[in-house]
Amino acid sequence: MVKREITKCPSCLDAIEIEDEVELGDIIYCLNCEAELEVVGVDPVVRLREIEESEEEEENFDFHDFYGDDERDRWGE
């Protein structure tokens, strides 16, 4: 039987049911406000923080975003 815990979304304060197997760094989503949340604590209770949009953009960094088309052609990308 999977143990579940209830915590609150830091964005909308809606209750979120979390499975016992979550680990630090796991990403979950709030079904109410659709916020992307990172698990930042698991002991003694699960703690979440909302991932800011700028953090998502950093993860999706592209050569083109930094150098533009001219540099891409120059480097053969």
C-alpha atoms as a PDB file:
ATOM      1  CA  MET A   1       0.000   0.000   0.000  1.00  0.00           C
ATOM      2  CA  VAL A   2       1.385   3.397  -1.027  1.00  0.00           C
ATOM      3  CA  LYS A   3       1.473   5.965   1.754  1.00  0.00           C
ATOM      4  CA  ARG A   4       0.236   9.406   0.732  1.00  0.00           C
ATOM      5  CA  GLU A   5       0.754  12.783   2.331  1.00  0.00           C
ATOM      6  CA  ILE A   6      -1.227  15.984   1.958  1.00  0.00           C
ATOM      7  CA  THR A   7       0.618  19.289   1.591  1.00  0.00           C
ATOM      8  CA  LYS A   8      -0.318  22.717   0.221  1.00  0.00           C
ATOM      9  CA  CYS A   9       0.592  24.321  -3.070  1.00  0.00           C
ATOM     10  CA  PRO A  10       2.739  27.381  -2.257  1.00  0.00           C
ATOM     11  CA  SER A  11       1.096  29.264  -5.136  1.00  0.00           C
ATOM     12  CA  CYS A  12      -2.654  28.737  -4.628  1.00  0.00           C
ATOM     13  CA  LEU A  13      -2.686  26.980  -1.212  1.00  0.00           C
ATOM     14  CA  ASP A  14      -4.791  24.121  -2.595  1.00  0.00           C
ATOM     15  CA  ALA A  15      -4.233  20.696  -1.035  1.00  0.00           C
ATOM     16  CA  ILE A  16      -1.903  18.406  -2.996  1.00  0.00           C
ATOM     17  CA  GLU A  17      -1.753  14.670  -2.393  1.00  0.00           C
ATOM     18  CA  ILE A  18       1.814  13.370  -2.647  1.00  0.00           C
ATOM     19  CA  GLU A  19       3.044   9.792  -2.817  1.00  0.00           C
ATOM     20  CA  ASP A  20       5.578   8.630  -0.251  1.00  0.00           C
ATOM     21  CA  GLU A  21       8.243   7.939  -2.916  1.00  0.00           C
ATOM     22  CA  VAL A  22       8.993  11.616  -3.714  1.00  0.00           C
ATOM     23  CA  GLU A  23      12.613  12.726  -3.409  1.00  0.00           C
ATOM     24  CA  LEU A  24      14.385  16.071  -3.213  1.00  0.00           C
ATOM     25  CA  GLY A  25      14.384  17.744  -6.616  1.00  0.00           C
ATOM     26  CA  ASP A  26      11.334  15.886  -7.948  1.00  0.00           C
ATOM     27  CA  ILE A  27       8.952  18.039  -9.971  1.00  0.00           C
ATOM     28  CA  ILE A  28       5.196  17.826  -9.427  1.00  0.00           C
ATOM     29  CA  TYR A  29       2.295  19.899 -10.714  1.00  0.00           C
ATOM     30  CA  CYS A  30      -0.616  21.498  -8.917  1.00  0.00           C
ATOM     31  CA  LEU A  31      -3.833  20.348 -10.574  1.00  0.00           C
ATOM     32  CA  ASN A  32      -5.652  23.479  -9.386  1.00  0.00           C
ATOM     33  CA  CYS A  33      -3.370  26.315 -10.592  1.00  0.00           C
ATOM     34  CA  GLU A  34      -1.047  24.257 -12.863  1.00  0.00           C
ATOM     35  CA  ALA A  35       2.061  25.553 -11.065  1.00  0.00           C
ATOM     36  CA  GLU A  36       5.266  23.578 -11.550  1.00  0.00           C
ATOM     37  CA  LEU A  37       6.594  22.727  -8.081  1.00  0.00           C
ATOM     38  CA  GLU A  38       9.921  21.356  -6.877  1.00  0.00           C
ATOM     39  CA  VAL A  39      10.209  19.137  -3.801  1.00  0.00           C
ATOM     40  CA  VAL A  40      12.643  20.982  -1.486  1.00  0.00           C
ATOM     41  CA  GLY A  41      12.085  18.980   1.687  1.00  0.00           C
ATOM     42  CA  VAL A  42      10.814  15.535   2.613  1.00  0.00           C
ATOM     43  CA  ASP A  43      11.495  15.094   6.318  1.00  0.00           C
ATOM     44  CA  PRO A  44       9.363  15.294   8.401  1.00  0.00           C
ATOM     45  CA  VAL A  45       6.880  16.695   5.852  1.00  0.00           C
ATOM     46  CA  VAL A  46       7.031  17.329   2.112  1.00  0.00           C
ATOM     47  CA  ARG A  47       7.840  20.975   1.312  1.00  0.00           C
ATOM     48  CA  LEU A  48       7.379  22.490  -2.124  1.00  0.00           C
ATOM     49  CA  ARG A  49       8.481  25.647  -3.909  1.00  0.00           C
ATOM     50  CA  GLU A  50       7.142  27.067  -7.139  1.00  0.00           C
ATOM     51  CA  ILE A  51       9.579  27.035 -10.031  1.00  0.00           C
ATOM     52  CA  GLU A  52       9.832  30.505 -11.529  1.00  0.00           C
ATOM     53  CA  GLU A  53       9.503  30.916 -15.288  1.00  0.00           C
ATOM     54  CA  SER A  54      13.058  32.306 -15.552  1.00  0.00           C
ATOM     55  CA  GLU A  55      14.412  29.030 -14.121  1.00  0.00           C
ATOM     56  CA  GLU A  56      12.592  27.079 -16.823  1.00  0.00           C
ATOM     57  CA  GLU A  57      14.097  29.325 -19.506  1.00  0.00           C
ATOM     58  CA  GLU A  58      17.628  28.648 -18.189  1.00  0.00           C
ATOM     59  CA  GLU A  59      17.054  24.902 -18.495  1.00  0.00           C
ATOM     60  CA  ASN A  60      15.938  25.328 -22.110  1.00  0.00           C
ATOM     61  CA  PHE A  61      18.976  27.409 -23.135  1.00  0.00           C
ATOM     62  CA  ASP A  62      19.799  27.219 -26.818  1.00  0.00           C
ATOM     63  CA  PHE A  63      22.941  28.307 -28.687  1.00  0.00           C
ATOM     64  CA  HIS A  64      20.711  30.470 -30.894  1.00  0.00           C
ATOM     65  CA  ASP A  65      19.267  32.294 -27.888  1.00  0.00           C
ATOM     66  CA  PHE A  66      22.728  33.479 -26.867  1.00  0.00           C
ATOM     67  CA  TYR A  67      24.602  34.004 -30.132  1.00  0.00           C
ATOM     68  CA  GLY A  68      21.923  34.455 -32.793  1.00  0.00           C
ATOM     69  CA  ASP A  69      21.834  33.055 -36.339  1.00  0.00           C
ATOM     70  CA  ASP A  70      25.071  34.692 -37.536  1.00  0.00           C
ATOM     71  CA  GLU A  71      27.231  32.984 -34.920  1.00  0.00           C
ATOM     72  CA  ARG A  72      25.473  29.670 -35.433  1.00  0.00           C
ATOM     73  CA  ASP A  73      26.446  29.730 -39.114  1.00  0.00           C
ATOM     74  CA  ARG A  74      29.990  30.717 -38.199  1.00  0.00           C
ATOM     75  CA  TRP A  75      30.402  27.769 -35.836  1.00  0.00           C
ATOM     76  CA  GLY A  76      28.603  25.289 -38.072  1.00  0.00           C
ATOM     77  CA  GLU A  77      25.703  24.709 -35.735  1.00  0.00           C
END
